[in-house]
Amino acid sequence: MSLLPRSRFPGERSLVAGIAIDALGSGMYVPFTLVFFQHVTKLPLPTIGLVLTVTGLLAMSALPIAGVAVDRFGAKRVQLSLYFIRGIGFALYPLAHGIPAFAVLALITAAGTRAFPAAQQARIAELVDGADRERMQALTRSLSNAGLGGGTLIASTLIALVGGSGYLLAAWLNAGSFLLAAVLAARTPASVRHVRDRADNRGGYRLVAKDRPFLVLTVANLLVALGYSSLSVLLPVFATDWLHLPEGLTGIAFVVNTVLCATLSVPVAALARRRFATRTRAAAFGAGLFTVAFLGQVLLGVVRPHNAAVLVTALVVGVVVATAGELVHGPSSGALSQAAAPAGLRGRYMASYQLSWSMAYVLAPTLFTTLLDVDGRLPWLLVAVTSAFGGLMLLRVEHRLPAEAVNTPRPPVAGKQPVTAA
């Protein structure tokens, strides 16, 4: 019995297997980023942190460039190029013992990492439409979470077995994962639609800037996306510094989130598709669950129970509610952005939309740590408010977006596949 679902288009299994392998490699370094680079490059931690921050900000400029490249050359070529760029970057990290070499490689890999989601979203939009867009959004999220969890386990095992050399092995394995993912993605044929769509891509980012409903959609996503960062950035500090929970217990929240995302993404997306008449309402409902979960954390910060079991239970309940919001909002909002983008300018539209995710991830650490210094409950109040406003914006913009993008599509007829080219 196959672990992957029945294919809806030629090469689907290769594409999603590549996504899972990509996530597996990323999981080998994401949870240990600073320590990972310290062992691989031998540079001081403060230097590594500064270089990663600066290059991360500079790399955001790669998003609009990737958007233009997708519209000109097609999403498949850009996706494969970014896989190779990231793979080569990680393969060379062990040679970067000086600051200039490390900075160059960090900038290249960060640019590839920032640009990749836009290319991947455009690629998926080229290959599927209708209800399959939600399904692919949920499937990639599920495989990504499973891959990240598996990668973290592999890296932890390597480090436990061989010590510091495990980080070096993880770097090479991560590089190999990108290259293998590229080989698998290359087996998925390009849709004939992208060739036709590229003929009508005049206007560039000027048309994106004039598309006010899509800009509202993007700003709404920025507001909600801040909540996605709360689990990894805010929750550990809040739990240990404000609630005085032992550090070892905070990891339970990450395990719960990872397991739920890996196992329930596809069924929850299917349920949301049946229950909500429009994608905007489904995404807004997910944002509403975020608001409830974050207000619960504010309440927990007010009560501050001294019993560790009560604290862990309350935190896990909050994480479950927030994860439910993530599972409903993510596929619906992703499919909505794909469907709302004109086919000929999909690369630029996806790059603009992905910029909201990048900005949220860049802004979140500074916002959260600044507010934490004032009061541990303030950052939760902030993300509760931003999620609520983001959900309201989604509902308000619903009638201004194309009806075919907003309305929840019916599941595809069994056996029916989009036309593709070899």
Protein backbone atom coordinates (compact mmCIF):
# COMPACT_ATOMS: atom_id res chain seq x y z
CA MET A 1 0.00 0.00 0.00
CA SER A 2 1.43 3.36 -1.00
CA LEU A 3 2.05 6.00 1.62
CA LEU A 4 1.20 8.71 -0.91
CA PRO A 5 -2.36 9.40 -2.16
CA ARG A 6 -3.63 8.53 -5.61
CA SER A 7 -2.08 10.85 -8.19
CA ARG A 8 -4.30 13.55 -9.69
CA PHE A 9 -1.73 14.64 -12.28
CA PRO A 10 1.32 12.99 -13.90
CA GLY A 11 4.33 13.09 -11.59
CA GLU A 12 2.41 14.13 -8.47
CA ARG A 13 4.01 11.47 -6.30
CA SER A 14 7.49 12.51 -7.38
CA LEU A 15 6.71 16.17 -6.66
CA VAL A 16 5.30 15.61 -3.17
CA ALA A 17 8.03 13.07 -2.34
CA GLY A 18 10.55 15.79 -3.20
CA ILE A 19 8.73 18.20 -0.89
CA ALA A 20 8.92 15.66 1.94
CA ILE A 21 12.63 15.01 1.35
CA ASP A 22 13.29 18.77 1.23
CA ALA A 23 11.57 19.11 4.62
CA LEU A 24 13.49 16.12 5.99
CA GLY A 25 16.77 17.86 5.16
CA SER A 26 15.61 21.19 6.55
CA GLY A 27 14.61 19.50 9.79
CA MET A 28 18.25 18.54 10.29
CA TYR A 29 19.28 22.14 10.86
CA VAL A 30 16.26 24.41 11.49
CA PRO A 31 15.86 23.49 15.20
CA PHE A 32 19.63 23.88 15.76
CA THR A 33 20.35 26.79 13.40
CA LEU A 34 22.88 28.78 15.43
CA VAL A 35 24.64 25.76 16.94
CA PHE A 36 24.54 24.05 13.53
CA PHE A 37 26.39 26.91 11.85
CA GLN A 38 28.81 27.26 14.75
CA HIS A 39 29.98 23.66 14.34
CA VAL A 40 30.01 23.75 10.55
CA THR A 41 31.76 27.13 10.06
CA LYS A 42 33.68 27.40 13.40
CA LEU A 43 32.68 31.11 13.65
CA PRO A 44 31.56 32.81 16.93
CA LEU A 45 27.83 32.71 17.70
CA PRO A 46 27.34 36.52 17.77
CA THR A 47 28.95 36.78 14.32
CA ILE A 48 26.77 33.99 12.97
CA GLY A 49 23.63 35.61 14.37
CA LEU A 50 24.48 38.98 12.86
CA VAL A 51 25.32 37.50 9.45
CA LEU A 52 22.11 35.44 9.37
CA THR A 53 19.99 38.47 10.33
CA VAL A 54 21.51 40.78 7.72
CA THR A 55 21.51 38.20 4.93
CA GLY A 56 17.96 37.18 5.82
CA LEU A 57 16.76 40.76 5.36
CA LEU A 58 18.72 41.21 2.13
CA ALA A 59 17.42 37.89 0.81
CA MET A 60 13.85 39.18 0.83
CA SER A 61 14.75 41.04 -2.38
CA ALA A 62 14.96 37.64 -4.08
CA LEU A 63 11.18 37.24 -3.90
CA PRO A 64 10.25 39.82 -6.56
CA ILE A 65 13.09 38.56 -8.78
CA ALA A 66 11.77 35.01 -8.45
CA GLY A 67 8.30 36.24 -9.39
CA VAL A 68 9.60 37.72 -12.64
CA ALA A 69 11.58 34.56 -13.38
CA VAL A 70 8.53 32.34 -12.86
CA ASP A 71 6.45 34.41 -15.27
CA ARG A 72 9.22 34.44 -17.86
CA PHE A 73 10.66 30.93 -17.65
CA GLY A 74 7.96 28.91 -15.90
CA ALA A 75 7.67 27.76 -12.29
CA LYS A 76 9.28 24.37 -12.91
CA ARG A 77 12.60 25.80 -14.10
CA VAL A 78 12.74 28.27 -11.23
CA GLN A 79 11.82 25.59 -8.67
CA LEU A 80 14.58 23.28 -9.91
CA SER A 81 17.13 26.12 -10.00
CA LEU A 82 16.35 27.07 -6.40
CA TYR A 83 16.68 23.46 -5.27
CA PHE A 84 20.17 23.31 -6.81
CA ILE A 85 21.19 26.71 -5.38
CA ARG A 86 20.21 25.69 -1.86
CA GLY A 87 21.85 22.28 -2.22
CA ILE A 88 25.16 23.72 -3.42
CA GLY A 89 25.07 26.35 -0.68
CA PHE A 90 24.77 23.79 2.11
CA ALA A 91 27.35 21.51 0.53
CA LEU A 92 29.87 24.38 0.64
CA TYR A 93 29.09 25.59 4.19
CA PRO A 94 31.79 23.36 5.78
CA LEU A 95 34.38 25.26 3.70
CA ALA A 96 33.21 28.69 4.90
CA HIS A 97 35.53 29.32 7.84
CA GLY A 98 35.86 33.06 7.20
CA ILE A 99 33.19 35.73 7.57
CA PRO A 100 33.17 36.81 3.86
CA ALA A 101 32.70 33.25 2.59
CA PHE A 102 30.05 32.50 5.20
CA ALA A 103 28.19 35.74 4.42
CA VAL A 104 28.15 35.00 0.68
CA LEU A 105 26.89 31.45 1.17
CA ALA A 106 24.35 32.57 3.78
CA LEU A 107 23.02 35.21 1.39
CA ILE A 108 22.76 32.75 -1.51
CA THR A 109 21.00 30.05 0.51
CA ALA A 110 18.75 32.58 2.27
CA ALA A 111 17.75 34.05 -1.10
CA GLY A 112 16.93 30.57 -2.36
CA THR A 113 14.96 29.77 0.78
CA ARG A 114 12.99 33.03 0.66
CA ALA A 115 12.21 32.70 -3.06
CA PHE A 116 11.36 29.01 -3.06
CA PRO A 117 7.80 29.15 -1.61
CA ALA A 118 6.68 31.56 -4.35
CA ALA A 119 8.01 29.24 -7.06
CA GLN A 120 6.47 26.19 -5.41
CA GLN A 121 3.07 27.87 -5.00
CA ALA A 122 3.12 28.93 -8.65
CA ARG A 123 4.16 25.40 -9.65
CA ILE A 124 1.25 23.84 -7.76
CA ALA A 125 -1.16 26.39 -9.25
CA GLU A 126 0.06 25.46 -12.74
CA LEU A 127 -0.60 21.78 -12.15
CA VAL A 128 -3.94 21.73 -10.32
CA ASP A 129 -7.06 23.81 -9.91
CA GLY A 130 -10.39 23.65 -8.10
CA ALA A 131 -10.61 21.54 -4.94
CA ASP A 132 -7.22 19.98 -5.69
CA ARG A 133 -5.53 23.24 -4.72
CA GLU A 134 -6.70 22.91 -1.11
CA ARG A 135 -5.74 19.25 -1.18
CA MET A 136 -2.22 20.01 -2.41
CA GLN A 137 -1.83 22.84 0.11
CA ALA A 138 -2.80 20.47 2.92
CA LEU A 139 -0.73 17.58 1.57
CA THR A 140 2.44 19.65 1.27
CA ARG A 141 1.88 21.03 4.78
CA SER A 142 1.42 17.50 6.13
CA LEU A 143 4.52 16.15 4.43
CA SER A 144 6.57 19.20 5.41
CA ASN A 145 5.73 18.79 9.09
CA ALA A 146 6.41 15.07 8.98
CA GLY A 147 9.70 15.73 7.20
CA LEU A 148 10.76 18.41 9.66
CA GLY A 149 10.03 16.11 12.58
CA GLY A 150 11.91 13.25 10.96
CA GLY A 151 14.86 15.47 10.08
CA THR A 152 15.12 16.74 13.64
CA LEU A 153 15.14 13.15 14.90
CA ILE A 154 17.86 12.15 12.41
CA ALA A 155 20.04 15.14 13.33
CA SER A 156 19.58 14.51 17.05
CA THR A 157 20.59 10.87 16.56
CA LEU A 158 23.67 11.81 14.53
CA ILE A 159 24.79 14.34 17.13
CA ALA A 160 24.24 11.83 19.94
CA LEU A 161 26.27 9.16 18.12
CA VAL A 162 29.21 11.14 16.70
CA GLY A 163 29.11 14.44 18.58
CA GLY A 164 30.01 17.67 16.78
CA SER A 165 30.76 15.82 13.55
CA GLY A 166 27.04 15.10 13.34
CA TYR A 167 26.45 18.71 12.33
CA LEU A 168 28.83 18.31 9.40
CA LEU A 169 27.03 15.15 8.29
CA ALA A 170 23.70 16.96 8.65
CA ALA A 171 24.95 19.76 6.37
CA TRP A 172 25.86 17.30 3.63
CA LEU A 173 22.66 15.30 4.08
CA ASN A 174 20.65 18.52 3.84
CA ALA A 175 22.49 19.44 0.64
CA GLY A 176 21.77 15.98 -0.72
CA SER A 177 18.09 16.30 0.18
CA PHE A 178 17.76 19.43 -1.97
CA LEU A 179 19.45 17.76 -4.94
CA LEU A 180 17.34 14.61 -4.61
CA ALA A 181 14.19 16.74 -4.32
CA ALA A 182 15.21 18.50 -7.55
CA VAL A 183 15.60 15.17 -9.34
CA LEU A 184 12.14 14.08 -8.18
CA ALA A 185 10.52 17.42 -9.06
CA ALA A 186 12.07 17.24 -12.53
CA ARG A 187 10.08 14.06 -13.16
CA THR A 188 6.83 16.02 -12.92
CA PRO A 189 5.99 17.32 -16.41
CA ALA A 190 5.13 20.99 -16.86
CA SER A 191 1.49 21.82 -17.50
CA VAL A 192 0.67 23.04 -21.01
CA ARG A 193 -1.22 25.87 -19.35
CA HIS A 194 1.93 27.67 -18.20
CA VAL A 195 3.18 27.98 -21.80
CA ARG A 196 -0.08 29.61 -22.83
CA ASP A 197 -0.21 31.80 -19.72
CA ARG A 198 3.31 33.21 -20.23
CA ALA A 199 2.13 34.89 -23.44
CA ASP A 200 0.00 37.28 -21.37
CA ASN A 201 2.30 38.58 -18.62
CA ARG A 202 2.56 42.23 -19.55
CA GLY A 203 2.26 44.92 -16.90
CA GLY A 204 4.47 43.30 -14.27
CA TYR A 205 4.35 44.46 -10.67
CA ARG A 206 2.44 47.59 -11.66
CA LEU A 207 -0.64 45.44 -12.17
CA VAL A 208 -0.07 43.74 -8.82
CA ALA A 209 0.14 47.14 -7.10
CA LYS A 210 -3.12 48.23 -8.76
CA ASP A 211 -4.96 45.08 -7.72
CA ARG A 212 -6.35 46.44 -4.44
CA PRO A 213 -8.37 43.34 -3.47
CA PHE A 214 -5.28 41.15 -3.80
CA LEU A 215 -3.24 43.63 -1.75
CA VAL A 216 -5.91 43.50 0.96
CA LEU A 217 -5.68 39.71 0.84
CA THR A 218 -1.90 39.96 1.24
CA VAL A 219 -2.08 42.38 4.19
CA ALA A 220 -4.68 40.16 5.86
CA ASN A 221 -2.29 37.24 5.50
CA LEU A 222 0.54 39.28 7.04
CA LEU A 223 -1.62 39.96 10.10
CA VAL A 224 -2.58 36.30 10.50
CA ALA A 225 0.93 35.03 9.67
CA LEU A 226 2.31 36.70 12.80
CA GLY A 227 0.37 34.08 14.74
CA TYR A 228 2.15 31.25 12.93
CA SER A 229 5.44 32.47 14.41
CA SER A 230 4.12 32.46 17.96
CA LEU A 231 4.59 28.73 18.55
CA SER A 232 8.29 28.64 17.70
CA VAL A 233 9.35 32.15 18.77
CA LEU A 234 7.00 33.25 21.55
CA LEU A 235 5.68 30.16 23.34
CA PRO A 236 9.02 28.79 24.66
CA VAL A 237 10.05 32.13 26.20
CA PHE A 238 6.55 32.80 27.56
CA ALA A 239 6.36 29.33 29.13
CA THR A 240 9.76 29.47 30.83
CA ASP A 241 10.19 33.16 31.71
CA TRP A 242 6.59 34.21 32.45
CA LEU A 243 4.93 30.96 33.57
CA HIS A 244 8.17 29.49 35.03
CA LEU A 245 7.61 26.12 33.39
CA PRO A 246 10.65 23.79 33.24
CA GLU A 247 12.34 24.05 29.85
CA GLY A 248 12.09 20.34 29.18
CA LEU A 249 8.29 20.46 29.23
CA THR A 250 7.87 23.16 26.58
CA GLY A 251 8.87 20.72 23.85
CA ILE A 252 5.55 18.90 24.32
CA ALA A 253 3.80 21.77 22.54
CA PHE A 254 6.04 21.39 19.48
CA VAL A 255 5.43 17.64 19.36
CA VAL A 256 1.66 18.14 19.53
CA ASN A 257 1.71 20.75 16.75
CA THR A 258 3.96 18.67 14.50
CA VAL A 259 1.95 15.46 14.93
CA LEU A 260 -1.39 17.18 14.34
CA CYS A 261 -0.15 19.02 11.25
CA ALA A 262 1.41 15.86 9.83
CA THR A 263 -1.64 13.65 10.37
CA LEU A 264 -4.68 15.93 10.09
CA SER A 265 -3.82 18.52 7.42
CA VAL A 266 -5.55 16.70 4.55
CA PRO A 267 -8.74 15.57 6.38
CA VAL A 268 -9.23 18.98 8.04
CA ALA A 269 -8.81 20.75 4.69
CA ALA A 270 -11.41 18.41 3.16
CA LEU A 271 -13.77 19.07 6.08
CA ALA A 272 -13.35 22.84 5.73
CA ARG A 273 -14.05 22.58 2.01
CA ARG A 274 -17.36 20.85 2.77
CA ARG A 275 -18.39 23.14 5.62
CA PHE A 276 -17.63 26.58 4.17
CA ALA A 277 -19.17 28.04 1.03
CA THR A 278 -16.15 30.26 0.35
CA ARG A 279 -12.42 30.09 0.88
CA THR A 280 -12.43 33.50 2.53
CA ARG A 281 -14.85 32.33 5.23
CA ALA A 282 -12.82 29.19 5.86
CA ALA A 283 -9.61 31.21 6.17
CA ALA A 284 -11.37 33.76 8.41
CA PHE A 285 -12.62 30.94 10.64
CA GLY A 286 -9.06 29.69 10.99
CA ALA A 287 -7.96 33.21 11.95
CA GLY A 288 -10.78 33.25 14.50
CA LEU A 289 -9.46 30.06 16.07
CA PHE A 290 -6.07 31.77 16.30
CA THR A 291 -7.69 34.66 18.16
CA VAL A 292 -9.39 32.31 20.64
CA ALA A 293 -6.15 30.38 21.24
CA PHE A 294 -4.09 33.51 21.78
CA LEU A 295 -6.63 35.09 24.13
CA GLY A 296 -6.46 31.83 26.06
CA GLN A 297 -2.72 32.36 26.47
CA VAL A 298 -3.41 35.88 27.74
CA LEU A 299 -5.82 34.41 30.31
CA LEU A 300 -3.26 31.79 31.27
CA GLY A 301 -0.73 34.57 31.78
CA VAL A 302 -3.16 36.33 34.10
CA VAL A 303 -4.01 33.26 36.19
CA ARG A 304 -0.49 31.78 36.15
CA PRO A 305 -1.28 28.50 37.95
CA HIS A 306 1.59 27.07 39.98
CA ASN A 307 0.83 23.43 39.22
CA ALA A 308 3.06 22.22 36.37
CA ALA A 309 0.50 19.65 35.18
CA VAL A 310 -2.20 22.31 34.94
CA LEU A 311 0.18 24.63 33.08
CA VAL A 312 1.20 21.98 30.54
CA THR A 313 -2.42 20.94 29.99
CA ALA A 314 -3.51 24.54 29.43
CA LEU A 315 -0.61 25.18 27.04
CA VAL A 316 -1.38 22.03 25.06
CA VAL A 317 -5.06 22.95 24.79
CA GLY A 318 -4.04 26.37 23.46
CA VAL A 319 -1.66 24.75 20.98
CA VAL A 320 -4.38 22.36 19.79
CA VAL A 321 -6.80 25.24 19.14
CA ALA A 322 -4.09 27.27 17.37
CA THR A 323 -3.10 24.23 15.31
CA ALA A 324 -6.74 23.75 14.30
CA GLY A 325 -6.71 27.36 13.13
CA GLU A 326 -3.53 26.70 11.17
CA LEU A 327 -5.02 23.60 9.52
CA VAL A 328 -8.14 25.49 8.41
CA HIS A 329 -6.53 28.81 7.47
CA GLY A 330 -3.43 27.53 5.65
CA PRO A 331 -4.93 25.49 2.78
CA SER A 332 -7.86 27.87 2.27
CA SER A 333 -5.79 31.04 2.17
CA GLY A 334 -3.10 29.43 0.02
CA ALA A 335 -5.61 28.16 -2.54
CA LEU A 336 -7.38 31.53 -2.48
CA SER A 337 -4.18 33.42 -3.30
CA GLN A 338 -3.39 31.02 -6.15
CA ALA A 339 -6.87 31.29 -7.65
CA ALA A 340 -7.01 35.09 -7.29
CA ALA A 341 -3.77 35.56 -9.25
CA PRO A 342 -4.01 36.08 -13.04
CA ALA A 343 -2.36 33.09 -14.71
CA GLY A 344 0.05 35.16 -16.81
CA LEU A 345 1.35 37.03 -13.75
CA ARG A 346 1.07 34.25 -11.21
CA GLY A 347 4.78 34.34 -10.40
CA ARG A 348 4.69 38.03 -9.46
CA TYR A 349 1.44 37.62 -7.54
CA MET A 350 2.75 34.64 -5.58
CA ALA A 351 5.99 36.50 -4.83
CA SER A 352 4.00 39.46 -3.50
CA TYR A 353 1.82 37.19 -1.39
CA GLN A 354 4.80 35.24 -0.03
CA LEU A 355 6.35 38.54 0.99
CA SER A 356 3.68 38.71 3.70
CA TRP A 357 4.98 35.44 5.17
CA SER A 358 8.60 36.63 5.00
CA MET A 359 7.77 39.95 6.64
CA ALA A 360 5.89 38.19 9.43
CA TYR A 361 8.82 35.88 10.16
CA VAL A 362 11.25 38.83 10.15
CA LEU A 363 9.07 41.11 12.31
CA ALA A 364 7.89 38.50 14.83
CA PRO A 365 11.10 38.04 16.89
CA THR A 366 11.60 41.79 17.39
CA LEU A 367 7.94 42.47 18.16
CA PHE A 368 7.61 39.56 20.55
CA THR A 369 10.83 40.13 22.49
CA THR A 370 10.16 43.88 22.82
CA LEU A 371 6.67 43.28 24.21
CA LEU A 372 7.87 40.43 26.44
CA ASP A 373 10.23 42.85 28.16
CA VAL A 374 7.20 44.95 29.09
CA ASP A 375 4.66 42.23 29.94
CA GLY A 376 4.56 38.57 28.96
CA ARG A 377 0.89 38.78 28.00
CA LEU A 378 1.25 41.66 25.54
CA PRO A 379 2.61 39.69 22.57
CA TRP A 380 -0.29 37.23 22.85
CA LEU A 381 -2.70 40.14 22.92
CA LEU A 382 -1.00 41.54 19.83
CA VAL A 383 -1.34 38.35 17.77
CA ALA A 384 -4.92 37.90 18.98
CA VAL A 385 -5.78 41.37 17.67
CA THR A 386 -3.87 40.96 14.39
CA SER A 387 -5.51 37.58 13.75
CA ALA A 388 -8.95 39.04 14.41
CA PHE A 389 -8.32 41.98 12.08
CA GLY A 390 -6.88 39.66 9.44
CA GLY A 391 -10.00 37.49 9.58
CA LEU A 392 -12.29 40.51 9.30
CA MET A 393 -10.32 41.79 6.30
CA LEU A 394 -10.78 38.43 4.60
CA LEU A 395 -14.54 38.64 5.07
CA ARG A 396 -14.70 42.26 3.88
CA VAL A 397 -12.69 41.62 0.71
CA GLU A 398 -14.68 38.53 -0.27
CA HIS A 399 -17.07 40.32 -2.67
CA ARG A 400 -14.20 42.18 -4.37
CA LEU A 401 -12.23 39.09 -5.35
CA PRO A 402 -13.06 36.96 -8.42
CA ALA A 403 -16.00 34.66 -7.66
CA GLU A 404 -14.20 31.64 -9.10
CA ALA A 405 -11.34 32.26 -6.66
CA VAL A 406 -13.55 32.82 -3.62
CA ASN A 407 -16.16 30.08 -3.98
CA THR A 408 -15.20 26.73 -2.52
CA PRO A 409 -14.96 24.29 -5.44
CA ARG A 410 -16.52 20.87 -5.40
CA PRO A 411 -14.17 17.89 -5.22
CA PRO A 412 -12.99 16.72 -8.65
CA VAL A 413 -14.74 13.84 -10.38
CA ALA A 414 -12.86 10.57 -9.86
CA GLY A 415 -10.49 9.83 -12.71
CA LYS A 416 -10.59 13.35 -14.14
CA GLN A 417 -7.14 14.92 -14.55
CA PRO A 418 -5.90 18.26 -15.88
CA VAL A 419 -4.25 18.14 -19.28
CA THR A 420 -0.47 18.06 -19.03
CA ALA A 421 2.46 17.88 -21.38
CA ALA A 422 5.30 15.47 -21.18
